[in-house]
Structures are given as C-alpha cells and as structure tokens.
Amino acid sequence: EKTIVNFTSDENNFYANGVKVYDNYVHNLWYRIRLEARTLENKAVIWVNGREVAEVDLADATTSIDNICLSNSSASAVNFDNVSVFKWEDNTWKLYKEYLFM
C-alpha cells in the first residue's frame, strides 16, 4: 500500500505532499477539491473550486491506483460530501465510481 498524495492543512493553508497549494482558506466553508493522479508523469494536479492551483510530485511512484483512503488525524472535524472517481480513457476523464455521504 502506497500513499501517492497526502493532502493536509494548517490554520490557513492547504498542502499536497508538503507543498502549499491554497492560501488562506475560510474555516467552516465547503471546498470542492479535485486531485488528478497522472501516474505516467509521476504528478498530481490539484484543483480547488474548479481552478487548477498546483502540480506536485507523487509521494510514491506508481503505475496504477486501486483504492482511496480518506482520513483525518486532527482534533478538528472534517466532513466529506460526495467523492467521485474518474479514469482517463479515450483522451478524456470519465466517471468511474461515485460515493455519496449523507
């Protein structure tokens, strides 16, 4: 099992693999986070609210991804709404699976 992107935050910023990807987020506001794992390039592209904000190296090189783990190690609550998984196919992102949390 590998971790390819570790997404974290502090009191002001979001980070992906230790690289600051978003400044001065607003507490208690929902954000739409998108992560594109580009395994052939060993990169992850991070989007926040529909805007590309960063490209970071994958923490561990991999050729495929077969699971996703979402966790929170802080004392503050983190809420996940919907999680969608897409795959790159025929030169476009296609919906592969959706997870709905209520």
N, C-alpha and C. Protein backbone atom coordinates (compact mmCIF):
# COMPACT_ATOMS: atom_id res chain seq x y z
N GLU A 1 0.84 -1.18 0.00
CA GLU A 1 0.00 0.00 0.00
C GLU A 1 0.89 1.24 0.00
N LYS A 2 0.59 2.16 -0.91
CA LYS A 2 1.37 3.38 -1.05
C LYS A 2 0.48 4.60 -0.83
N THR A 3 1.08 5.65 -0.35
CA THR A 3 0.42 6.95 -0.32
C THR A 3 1.00 7.76 -1.46
N ILE A 4 0.15 8.15 -2.41
CA ILE A 4 0.67 8.92 -3.53
C ILE A 4 0.44 10.41 -3.34
N VAL A 5 -0.65 10.78 -2.63
CA VAL A 5 -0.88 12.19 -2.31
C VAL A 5 -1.38 12.27 -0.87
N ASN A 6 -0.68 13.04 -0.07
CA ASN A 6 -1.08 13.30 1.30
C ASN A 6 -1.56 14.75 1.35
N PHE A 7 -2.87 14.92 1.51
CA PHE A 7 -3.48 16.26 1.50
C PHE A 7 -3.69 16.68 2.94
N THR A 8 -3.08 17.82 3.34
CA THR A 8 -3.16 18.28 4.72
C THR A 8 -3.51 19.76 4.76
N SER A 9 -3.74 20.25 5.97
CA SER A 9 -4.00 21.69 6.15
C SER A 9 -3.43 22.13 7.49
N ASP A 10 -3.26 23.43 7.61
CA ASP A 10 -2.96 24.03 8.91
C ASP A 10 -4.04 25.08 9.16
N GLU A 11 -3.80 26.04 9.99
CA GLU A 11 -4.82 27.05 10.31
C GLU A 11 -5.19 27.94 9.13
N ASN A 12 -4.32 28.00 8.09
CA ASN A 12 -4.54 28.93 6.99
C ASN A 12 -4.49 28.34 5.59
N ASN A 13 -3.80 27.23 5.41
CA ASN A 13 -3.46 26.78 4.06
C ASN A 13 -3.74 25.29 3.86
N PHE A 14 -3.90 24.90 2.58
CA PHE A 14 -3.97 23.50 2.18
C PHE A 14 -2.63 23.11 1.57
N TYR A 15 -2.23 21.85 1.78
CA TYR A 15 -0.97 21.33 1.26
C TYR A 15 -1.21 19.98 0.58
N ALA A 16 -0.43 19.69 -0.44
CA ALA A 16 -0.41 18.38 -1.07
C ALA A 16 1.03 17.92 -1.09
N ASN A 17 1.32 16.81 -0.43
CA ASN A 17 2.68 16.29 -0.29
C ASN A 17 3.65 17.34 0.22
N GLY A 18 3.17 18.15 1.18
CA GLY A 18 4.00 19.16 1.81
C GLY A 18 4.12 20.47 1.05
N VAL A 19 3.57 20.55 -0.14
CA VAL A 19 3.63 21.77 -0.97
C VAL A 19 2.35 22.56 -0.75
N LYS A 20 2.48 23.85 -0.41
CA LYS A 20 1.30 24.69 -0.23
C LYS A 20 0.59 24.85 -1.57
N VAL A 21 -0.71 24.49 -1.59
CA VAL A 21 -1.47 24.55 -2.84
C VAL A 21 -2.62 25.56 -2.77
N TYR A 22 -2.93 26.07 -1.57
CA TYR A 22 -4.03 27.04 -1.44
C TYR A 22 -3.81 27.88 -0.19
N ASP A 23 -3.83 29.21 -0.37
CA ASP A 23 -3.59 30.16 0.73
C ASP A 23 -4.89 30.62 1.38
N ASN A 24 -4.84 30.79 2.67
CA ASN A 24 -5.88 31.49 3.42
C ASN A 24 -7.29 30.98 3.18
N TYR A 25 -7.49 29.67 3.39
CA TYR A 25 -8.84 29.14 3.25
C TYR A 25 -9.73 29.69 4.36
N VAL A 26 -11.02 29.66 4.12
CA VAL A 26 -12.00 30.16 5.09
C VAL A 26 -12.52 28.97 5.89
N HIS A 27 -12.42 29.07 7.20
CA HIS A 27 -12.91 27.99 8.07
C HIS A 27 -14.42 27.85 7.93
N ASN A 28 -14.89 26.61 8.06
CA ASN A 28 -16.32 26.27 8.00
C ASN A 28 -16.96 26.59 6.66
N LEU A 29 -16.18 26.60 5.60
CA LEU A 29 -16.69 26.80 4.25
C LEU A 29 -16.37 25.53 3.45
N TRP A 30 -17.34 25.06 2.68
CA TRP A 30 -17.13 23.87 1.87
C TRP A 30 -16.23 24.20 0.68
N TYR A 31 -15.32 23.31 0.37
CA TYR A 31 -14.44 23.44 -0.79
C TYR A 31 -14.59 22.22 -1.67
N ARG A 32 -14.51 22.44 -2.97
CA ARG A 32 -14.51 21.33 -3.92
C ARG A 32 -13.06 21.06 -4.31
N ILE A 33 -12.55 19.92 -3.88
CA ILE A 33 -11.16 19.54 -4.12
C ILE A 33 -11.13 18.47 -5.21
N ARG A 34 -10.27 18.67 -6.17
CA ARG A 34 -10.08 17.68 -7.24
C ARG A 34 -8.60 17.34 -7.31
N LEU A 35 -8.32 16.06 -7.39
CA LEU A 35 -6.96 15.59 -7.49
C LEU A 35 -6.86 14.70 -8.71
N GLU A 36 -6.00 15.06 -9.63
CA GLU A 36 -5.75 14.24 -10.82
C GLU A 36 -4.42 13.54 -10.63
N ALA A 37 -4.43 12.24 -10.47
CA ALA A 37 -3.20 11.47 -10.34
C ALA A 37 -2.74 11.07 -11.74
N ARG A 38 -1.68 11.64 -12.19
CA ARG A 38 -1.13 11.35 -13.52
C ARG A 38 0.07 10.42 -13.34
N THR A 39 -0.23 9.13 -13.27
CA THR A 39 0.79 8.15 -12.91
C THR A 39 1.92 8.05 -13.93
N LEU A 40 1.63 8.24 -15.20
CA LEU A 40 2.69 8.15 -16.21
C LEU A 40 3.70 9.28 -16.06
N GLU A 41 3.26 10.42 -15.54
CA GLU A 41 4.14 11.58 -15.35
C GLU A 41 4.66 11.69 -13.93
N ASN A 42 4.18 10.81 -13.02
CA ASN A 42 4.53 10.86 -11.61
C ASN A 42 4.14 12.21 -10.98
N LYS A 43 2.97 12.72 -11.37
CA LYS A 43 2.50 14.03 -10.90
C LYS A 43 1.06 13.94 -10.42
N ALA A 44 0.68 14.87 -9.58
CA ALA A 44 -0.71 15.06 -9.18
C ALA A 44 -1.05 16.52 -9.43
N VAL A 45 -2.17 16.74 -10.10
CA VAL A 45 -2.66 18.10 -10.34
C VAL A 45 -3.79 18.34 -9.35
N ILE A 46 -3.70 19.46 -8.64
CA ILE A 46 -4.66 19.80 -7.60
C ILE A 46 -5.53 20.96 -8.08
N TRP A 47 -6.84 20.79 -7.93
CA TRP A 47 -7.82 21.82 -8.28
C TRP A 47 -8.61 22.18 -7.02
N VAL A 48 -8.90 23.44 -6.83
CA VAL A 48 -9.76 23.89 -5.73
C VAL A 48 -10.85 24.76 -6.33
N ASN A 49 -12.10 24.37 -6.09
CA ASN A 49 -13.26 25.11 -6.58
C ASN A 49 -13.21 25.38 -8.08
N GLY A 50 -12.81 24.36 -8.83
CA GLY A 50 -12.81 24.46 -10.29
C GLY A 50 -11.62 25.14 -10.91
N ARG A 51 -10.62 25.49 -10.08
CA ARG A 51 -9.44 26.20 -10.59
C ARG A 51 -8.19 25.37 -10.30
N GLU A 52 -7.37 25.13 -11.33
CA GLU A 52 -6.12 24.42 -11.12
C GLU A 52 -5.19 25.29 -10.28
N VAL A 53 -4.72 24.75 -9.15
CA VAL A 53 -3.91 25.56 -8.24
C VAL A 53 -2.47 25.07 -8.12
N ALA A 54 -2.21 23.80 -8.46
CA ALA A 54 -0.84 23.31 -8.28
C ALA A 54 -0.64 21.97 -8.99
N GLU A 55 0.63 21.68 -9.24
CA GLU A 55 1.05 20.36 -9.70
C GLU A 55 2.18 19.94 -8.79
N VAL A 56 2.06 18.75 -8.19
CA VAL A 56 3.07 18.26 -7.26
C VAL A 56 3.52 16.87 -7.69
N ASP A 57 4.70 16.49 -7.26
CA ASP A 57 5.18 15.12 -7.49
C ASP A 57 4.37 14.16 -6.64
N LEU A 58 4.12 12.95 -7.16
CA LEU A 58 3.52 11.92 -6.35
C LEU A 58 4.49 11.55 -5.23
N ALA A 59 3.97 11.24 -4.05
CA ALA A 59 4.83 10.88 -2.93
C ALA A 59 5.54 9.55 -3.19
N ASP A 60 4.87 8.62 -3.85
CA ASP A 60 5.44 7.34 -4.26
C ASP A 60 5.07 7.11 -5.71
N ALA A 61 6.03 6.73 -6.52
CA ALA A 61 5.74 6.43 -7.92
C ALA A 61 4.85 5.19 -8.00
N THR A 62 3.93 5.20 -8.93
CA THR A 62 3.04 4.06 -9.14
C THR A 62 2.56 4.06 -10.58
N THR A 63 2.13 2.92 -11.05
CA THR A 63 1.59 2.83 -12.40
C THR A 63 0.08 2.70 -12.40
N SER A 64 -0.51 2.42 -11.23
CA SER A 64 -1.96 2.31 -11.14
C SER A 64 -2.42 2.61 -9.73
N ILE A 65 -3.71 2.85 -9.59
CA ILE A 65 -4.32 3.14 -8.30
C ILE A 65 -5.52 2.22 -8.15
N ASP A 66 -5.58 1.50 -7.03
CA ASP A 66 -6.70 0.57 -6.86
C ASP A 66 -7.53 0.84 -5.61
N ASN A 67 -7.20 1.89 -4.84
CA ASN A 67 -8.05 2.26 -3.71
C ASN A 67 -7.79 3.69 -3.28
N ILE A 68 -8.71 4.21 -2.50
CA ILE A 68 -8.61 5.57 -1.97
C ILE A 68 -8.87 5.50 -0.48
N CYS A 69 -8.08 6.21 0.29
CA CYS A 69 -8.27 6.28 1.73
C CYS A 69 -8.40 7.75 2.11
N LEU A 70 -9.50 8.10 2.75
CA LEU A 70 -9.72 9.45 3.27
C LEU A 70 -9.68 9.36 4.78
N SER A 71 -8.82 10.14 5.41
CA SER A 71 -8.72 10.09 6.87
C SER A 71 -8.42 11.46 7.43
N ASN A 72 -8.63 11.61 8.72
CA ASN A 72 -8.39 12.87 9.40
C ASN A 72 -7.63 12.57 10.69
N SER A 73 -6.45 13.17 10.84
CA SER A 73 -5.64 12.92 12.02
C SER A 73 -5.65 14.10 12.99
N SER A 74 -6.48 15.11 12.74
CA SER A 74 -6.53 16.26 13.64
C SER A 74 -7.70 16.15 14.59
N ALA A 75 -7.73 17.04 15.57
CA ALA A 75 -8.83 17.07 16.53
C ALA A 75 -10.06 17.76 15.93
N SER A 76 -9.88 18.49 14.86
CA SER A 76 -10.99 19.19 14.21
C SER A 76 -11.74 18.25 13.28
N ALA A 77 -13.04 18.42 13.23
CA ALA A 77 -13.87 17.59 12.35
C ALA A 77 -13.65 17.96 10.89
N VAL A 78 -13.63 16.94 10.05
CA VAL A 78 -13.57 17.13 8.60
C VAL A 78 -14.76 16.40 8.01
N ASN A 79 -15.48 17.07 7.13
CA ASN A 79 -16.65 16.46 6.51
C ASN A 79 -16.40 16.25 5.02
N PHE A 80 -16.78 15.07 4.55
CA PHE A 80 -16.71 14.76 3.13
C PHE A 80 -18.13 14.64 2.62
N ASP A 81 -18.40 15.25 1.50
CA ASP A 81 -19.72 15.18 0.90
C ASP A 81 -19.70 14.03 -0.10
N ASN A 82 -19.57 14.32 -1.35
CA ASN A 82 -19.51 13.29 -2.38
C ASN A 82 -18.07 13.13 -2.86
N VAL A 83 -17.71 11.89 -3.15
CA VAL A 83 -16.39 11.59 -3.70
C VAL A 83 -16.63 10.89 -5.04
N SER A 84 -16.06 11.44 -6.09
CA SER A 84 -16.20 10.86 -7.42
C SER A 84 -14.83 10.41 -7.91
N VAL A 85 -14.79 9.25 -8.52
CA VAL A 85 -13.55 8.72 -9.08
C VAL A 85 -13.72 8.67 -10.59
N PHE A 86 -12.76 9.26 -11.30
CA PHE A 86 -12.76 9.28 -12.76
C PHE A 86 -11.55 8.52 -13.26
N LYS A 87 -11.63 8.03 -14.47
CA LYS A 87 -10.46 7.42 -15.10
C LYS A 87 -10.23 8.09 -16.45
N TRP A 88 -8.96 8.14 -16.83
CA TRP A 88 -8.57 8.73 -18.10
C TRP A 88 -8.75 7.69 -19.17
N GLU A 89 -9.62 7.97 -20.12
CA GLU A 89 -9.93 6.99 -21.16
C GLU A 89 -10.31 7.74 -22.43
N ASP A 90 -9.75 7.34 -23.53
CA ASP A 90 -10.03 7.96 -24.82
C ASP A 90 -9.82 9.48 -24.78
N ASN A 91 -8.73 9.88 -24.14
CA ASN A 91 -8.32 11.29 -24.05
C ASN A 91 -9.33 12.18 -23.32
N THR A 92 -10.05 11.61 -22.35
CA THR A 92 -10.96 12.41 -21.54
C THR A 92 -11.17 11.73 -20.19
N TRP A 93 -11.58 12.49 -19.18
CA TRP A 93 -11.89 11.93 -17.88
C TRP A 93 -13.32 11.41 -17.91
N LYS A 94 -13.50 10.14 -17.53
CA LYS A 94 -14.83 9.52 -17.50
C LYS A 94 -15.13 9.07 -16.07
N LEU A 95 -16.38 9.31 -15.65
CA LEU A 95 -16.79 8.90 -14.32
C LEU A 95 -16.68 7.39 -14.17
N TYR A 96 -15.99 6.96 -13.13
CA TYR A 96 -15.79 5.54 -12.87
C TYR A 96 -16.67 5.08 -11.70
N LYS A 97 -16.72 5.88 -10.62
CA LYS A 97 -17.47 5.48 -9.42
C LYS A 97 -17.78 6.73 -8.60
N GLU A 98 -18.96 6.74 -7.97
CA GLU A 98 -19.33 7.84 -7.08
C GLU A 98 -19.66 7.28 -5.70
N TYR A 99 -19.21 7.97 -4.69
CA TYR A 99 -19.52 7.62 -3.30
C TYR A 99 -20.26 8.81 -2.69
N LEU A 100 -21.48 8.58 -2.23
CA LEU A 100 -22.30 9.65 -1.69
C LEU A 100 -22.39 9.50 -0.18
N PHE A 101 -22.00 10.53 0.55
CA PHE A 101 -22.06 10.53 2.00
C PHE A 101 -23.19 11.42 2.45
N MET A 102 -24.00 10.94 3.37
CA MET A 102 -25.12 11.74 3.87
C MET A 102 -25.16 11.74 5.37
